[in-house]
Amino acid sequence: MRGKRLNLARKQKGYTAQQMADMLHVTIRTYRNYESGTTCPSLGTLVQLADILDVTTDYLLCRDTNRSAPAR
């Protein structure tokens, strides 16, 4: 996961890093490590991040440049 994408998506939604940490039930240090790329979130946390930020997991993983899932 690329921390820059996570940071950008968070800022575009208007959340602080502390708010994200609270929503994920992790410490602020853990969340900041996700954004800095020091550590990667678990699969479950990655899905939570995508849901909270309204983006796809592929977007966060830099596998796709589209933020949203295609319409079904």
N, C-alpha and C. Protein backbone atom coordinates (compact mmCIF):
# COMPACT_ATOMS: atom_id res chain seq x y z
N MET A 1 0.85 -1.18 0.00
CA MET A 1 0.00 0.00 0.00
C MET A 1 0.89 1.23 0.00
N ARG A 2 0.48 2.22 -0.73
CA ARG A 2 1.22 3.47 -0.77
C ARG A 2 0.60 4.46 0.19
N GLY A 3 1.40 4.92 1.12
CA GLY A 3 0.92 5.85 2.12
C GLY A 3 0.44 7.17 1.55
N LYS A 4 1.03 7.59 0.43
CA LYS A 4 0.63 8.86 -0.17
C LYS A 4 -0.82 8.81 -0.62
N ARG A 5 -1.23 7.69 -1.17
CA ARG A 5 -2.63 7.55 -1.59
C ARG A 5 -3.56 7.60 -0.40
N LEU A 6 -3.17 6.93 0.67
CA LEU A 6 -3.98 6.92 1.89
C LEU A 6 -4.09 8.33 2.45
N ASN A 7 -2.98 9.04 2.49
CA ASN A 7 -2.96 10.40 3.00
C ASN A 7 -3.84 11.32 2.16
N LEU A 8 -3.74 11.22 0.85
CA LEU A 8 -4.54 12.03 -0.06
C LEU A 8 -6.03 11.74 0.10
N ALA A 9 -6.39 10.48 0.13
CA ALA A 9 -7.79 10.10 0.27
C ALA A 9 -8.36 10.60 1.60
N ARG A 10 -7.57 10.49 2.66
CA ARG A 10 -8.02 10.96 3.98
C ARG A 10 -8.27 12.46 3.96
N LYS A 11 -7.33 13.20 3.40
CA LYS A 11 -7.47 14.66 3.36
C LYS A 11 -8.64 15.08 2.48
N GLN A 12 -8.87 14.37 1.39
CA GLN A 12 -10.00 14.70 0.52
C GLN A 12 -11.34 14.46 1.21
N LYS A 13 -11.38 13.52 2.13
CA LYS A 13 -12.61 13.27 2.90
C LYS A 13 -12.74 14.21 4.10
N GLY A 14 -11.66 14.93 4.41
CA GLY A 14 -11.71 15.89 5.50
C GLY A 14 -11.47 15.31 6.89
N TYR A 15 -10.87 14.13 6.96
CA TYR A 15 -10.59 13.50 8.24
C TYR A 15 -9.17 13.82 8.70
N THR A 16 -9.01 13.91 10.01
CA THR A 16 -7.67 14.03 10.58
C THR A 16 -7.11 12.63 10.77
N ALA A 17 -5.81 12.55 10.95
CA ALA A 17 -5.19 11.25 11.22
C ALA A 17 -5.74 10.66 12.52
N GLN A 18 -5.99 11.50 13.50
CA GLN A 18 -6.54 11.02 14.77
C GLN A 18 -7.95 10.45 14.58
N GLN A 19 -8.76 11.11 13.78
CA GLN A 19 -10.11 10.60 13.52
C GLN A 19 -10.04 9.23 12.83
N MET A 20 -9.13 9.08 11.89
CA MET A 20 -8.98 7.80 11.22
C MET A 20 -8.55 6.72 12.20
N ALA A 21 -7.59 7.04 13.04
CA ALA A 21 -7.13 6.08 14.04
C ALA A 21 -8.29 5.66 14.94
N ASP A 22 -9.09 6.61 15.35
CA ASP A 22 -10.23 6.31 16.21
C ASP A 22 -11.24 5.40 15.51
N MET A 23 -11.53 5.69 14.24
CA MET A 23 -12.50 4.87 13.50
C MET A 23 -11.99 3.44 13.28
N LEU A 24 -10.68 3.30 13.18
CA LEU A 24 -10.09 1.98 12.96
C LEU A 24 -9.76 1.26 14.27
N HIS A 25 -9.91 1.97 15.38
CA HIS A 25 -9.58 1.43 16.71
C HIS A 25 -8.11 1.03 16.80
N VAL A 26 -7.26 1.93 16.29
CA VAL A 26 -5.81 1.75 16.40
C VAL A 26 -5.23 3.03 17.00
N THR A 27 -3.99 2.96 17.41
CA THR A 27 -3.34 4.15 17.94
C THR A 27 -2.98 5.09 16.81
N ILE A 28 -2.79 6.36 17.14
CA ILE A 28 -2.38 7.33 16.14
C ILE A 28 -1.04 6.94 15.53
N ARG A 29 -0.16 6.39 16.32
CA ARG A 29 1.16 5.95 15.82
C ARG A 29 0.98 4.86 14.76
N THR A 30 0.10 3.91 15.02
CA THR A 30 -0.15 2.84 14.05
C THR A 30 -0.68 3.42 12.75
N TYR A 31 -1.65 4.33 12.87
CA TYR A 31 -2.22 4.92 11.67
C TYR A 31 -1.16 5.72 10.90
N ARG A 32 -0.38 6.48 11.60
CA ARG A 32 0.68 7.26 10.92
C ARG A 32 1.69 6.34 10.24
N ASN A 33 1.92 5.17 10.82
CA ASN A 33 2.82 4.20 10.18
C ASN A 33 2.22 3.70 8.86
N TYR A 34 0.90 3.57 8.79
CA TYR A 34 0.25 3.21 7.52
C TYR A 34 0.52 4.29 6.48
N GLU A 35 0.33 5.54 6.87
CA GLU A 35 0.52 6.65 5.93
C GLU A 35 1.97 6.84 5.53
N SER A 36 2.88 6.54 6.41
CA SER A 36 4.30 6.71 6.08
C SER A 36 4.86 5.50 5.33
N GLY A 37 4.10 4.41 5.32
CA GLY A 37 4.56 3.20 4.64
C GLY A 37 5.46 2.34 5.49
N THR A 38 5.60 2.68 6.77
CA THR A 38 6.44 1.90 7.67
C THR A 38 5.85 0.52 7.91
N THR A 39 4.53 0.45 8.04
CA THR A 39 3.83 -0.82 8.20
C THR A 39 2.62 -0.85 7.27
N CYS A 40 2.17 -2.04 6.98
CA CYS A 40 0.98 -2.22 6.14
C CYS A 40 -0.18 -2.70 7.02
N PRO A 41 -1.38 -2.21 6.73
CA PRO A 41 -2.53 -2.67 7.51
C PRO A 41 -2.88 -4.12 7.14
N SER A 42 -3.56 -4.78 8.05
CA SER A 42 -4.06 -6.12 7.76
C SER A 42 -5.11 -6.02 6.65
N LEU A 43 -5.47 -7.15 6.10
CA LEU A 43 -6.48 -7.17 5.05
C LEU A 43 -7.80 -6.58 5.55
N GLY A 44 -8.20 -6.94 6.76
CA GLY A 44 -9.43 -6.41 7.32
C GLY A 44 -9.38 -4.90 7.49
N THR A 45 -8.25 -4.39 7.93
CA THR A 45 -8.09 -2.95 8.11
C THR A 45 -8.06 -2.25 6.76
N LEU A 46 -7.45 -2.86 5.76
CA LEU A 46 -7.43 -2.29 4.42
C LEU A 46 -8.86 -2.13 3.89
N VAL A 47 -9.69 -3.12 4.11
CA VAL A 47 -11.09 -3.04 3.68
C VAL A 47 -11.80 -1.93 4.44
N GLN A 48 -11.55 -1.82 5.74
CA GLN A 48 -12.15 -0.74 6.54
C GLN A 48 -11.72 0.62 6.00
N LEU A 49 -10.44 0.77 5.70
CA LEU A 49 -9.93 2.03 5.16
C LEU A 49 -10.66 2.39 3.87
N ALA A 50 -10.78 1.43 2.98
CA ALA A 50 -11.45 1.68 1.70
C ALA A 50 -12.91 2.08 1.94
N ASP A 51 -13.58 1.41 2.86
CA ASP A 51 -14.98 1.74 3.16
C ASP A 51 -15.11 3.14 3.74
N ILE A 52 -14.27 3.47 4.70
CA ILE A 52 -14.33 4.79 5.36
C ILE A 52 -14.04 5.90 4.35
N LEU A 53 -13.06 5.68 3.49
CA LEU A 53 -12.62 6.72 2.56
C LEU A 53 -13.37 6.68 1.23
N ASP A 54 -14.26 5.71 1.07
CA ASP A 54 -15.07 5.57 -0.13
C ASP A 54 -14.20 5.44 -1.39
N VAL A 55 -13.20 4.58 -1.29
CA VAL A 55 -12.32 4.26 -2.41
C VAL A 55 -12.22 2.74 -2.50
N THR A 56 -11.63 2.26 -3.57
CA THR A 56 -11.43 0.82 -3.70
C THR A 56 -10.13 0.40 -3.02
N THR A 57 -10.07 -0.87 -2.67
CA THR A 57 -8.82 -1.38 -2.11
C THR A 57 -7.72 -1.33 -3.18
N ASP A 58 -8.09 -1.57 -4.44
CA ASP A 58 -7.10 -1.49 -5.52
C ASP A 58 -6.51 -0.09 -5.62
N TYR A 59 -7.31 0.93 -5.39
CA TYR A 59 -6.80 2.30 -5.40
C TYR A 59 -5.75 2.47 -4.30
N LEU A 60 -6.06 2.02 -3.10
CA LEU A 60 -5.12 2.15 -1.99
C LEU A 60 -3.85 1.34 -2.21
N LEU A 61 -3.99 0.22 -2.92
CA LEU A 61 -2.84 -0.64 -3.20
C LEU A 61 -2.09 -0.22 -4.47
N CYS A 62 -2.52 0.88 -5.09
CA CYS A 62 -1.90 1.41 -6.31
C CYS A 62 -1.99 0.42 -7.47
N ARG A 63 -3.03 -0.37 -7.48
CA ARG A 63 -3.28 -1.29 -8.59
C ARG A 63 -4.23 -0.66 -9.61
N ASP A 64 -4.81 0.49 -9.25
CA ASP A 64 -5.77 1.15 -10.11
C ASP A 64 -5.73 2.65 -9.80
N THR A 65 -5.94 3.47 -10.81
CA THR A 65 -5.97 4.91 -10.57
C THR A 65 -7.38 5.42 -10.31
N ASN A 66 -8.38 4.59 -10.57
CA ASN A 66 -9.76 4.97 -10.28
C ASN A 66 -10.03 4.82 -8.79
N ARG A 67 -10.58 5.88 -8.22
CA ARG A 67 -10.88 5.85 -6.78
C ARG A 67 -12.11 5.03 -6.47
N SER A 68 -13.08 5.03 -7.37
CA SER A 68 -14.37 4.38 -7.11
C SER A 68 -14.51 3.10 -7.91
N ALA A 69 -15.28 2.21 -7.35
CA ALA A 69 -15.58 0.96 -8.05
C ALA A 69 -16.52 1.26 -9.21
N PRO A 70 -16.40 0.51 -10.31
CA PRO A 70 -17.31 0.74 -11.43
C PRO A 70 -18.74 0.41 -11.05
N ALA A 71 -19.69 1.08 -11.66
CA ALA A 71 -21.10 0.83 -11.39
C ALA A 71 -21.45 -0.57 -11.88
N ARG A 72 -22.32 -1.22 -11.14
CA ARG A 72 -22.73 -2.58 -11.50
C ARG A 72 -24.07 -2.58 -12.15
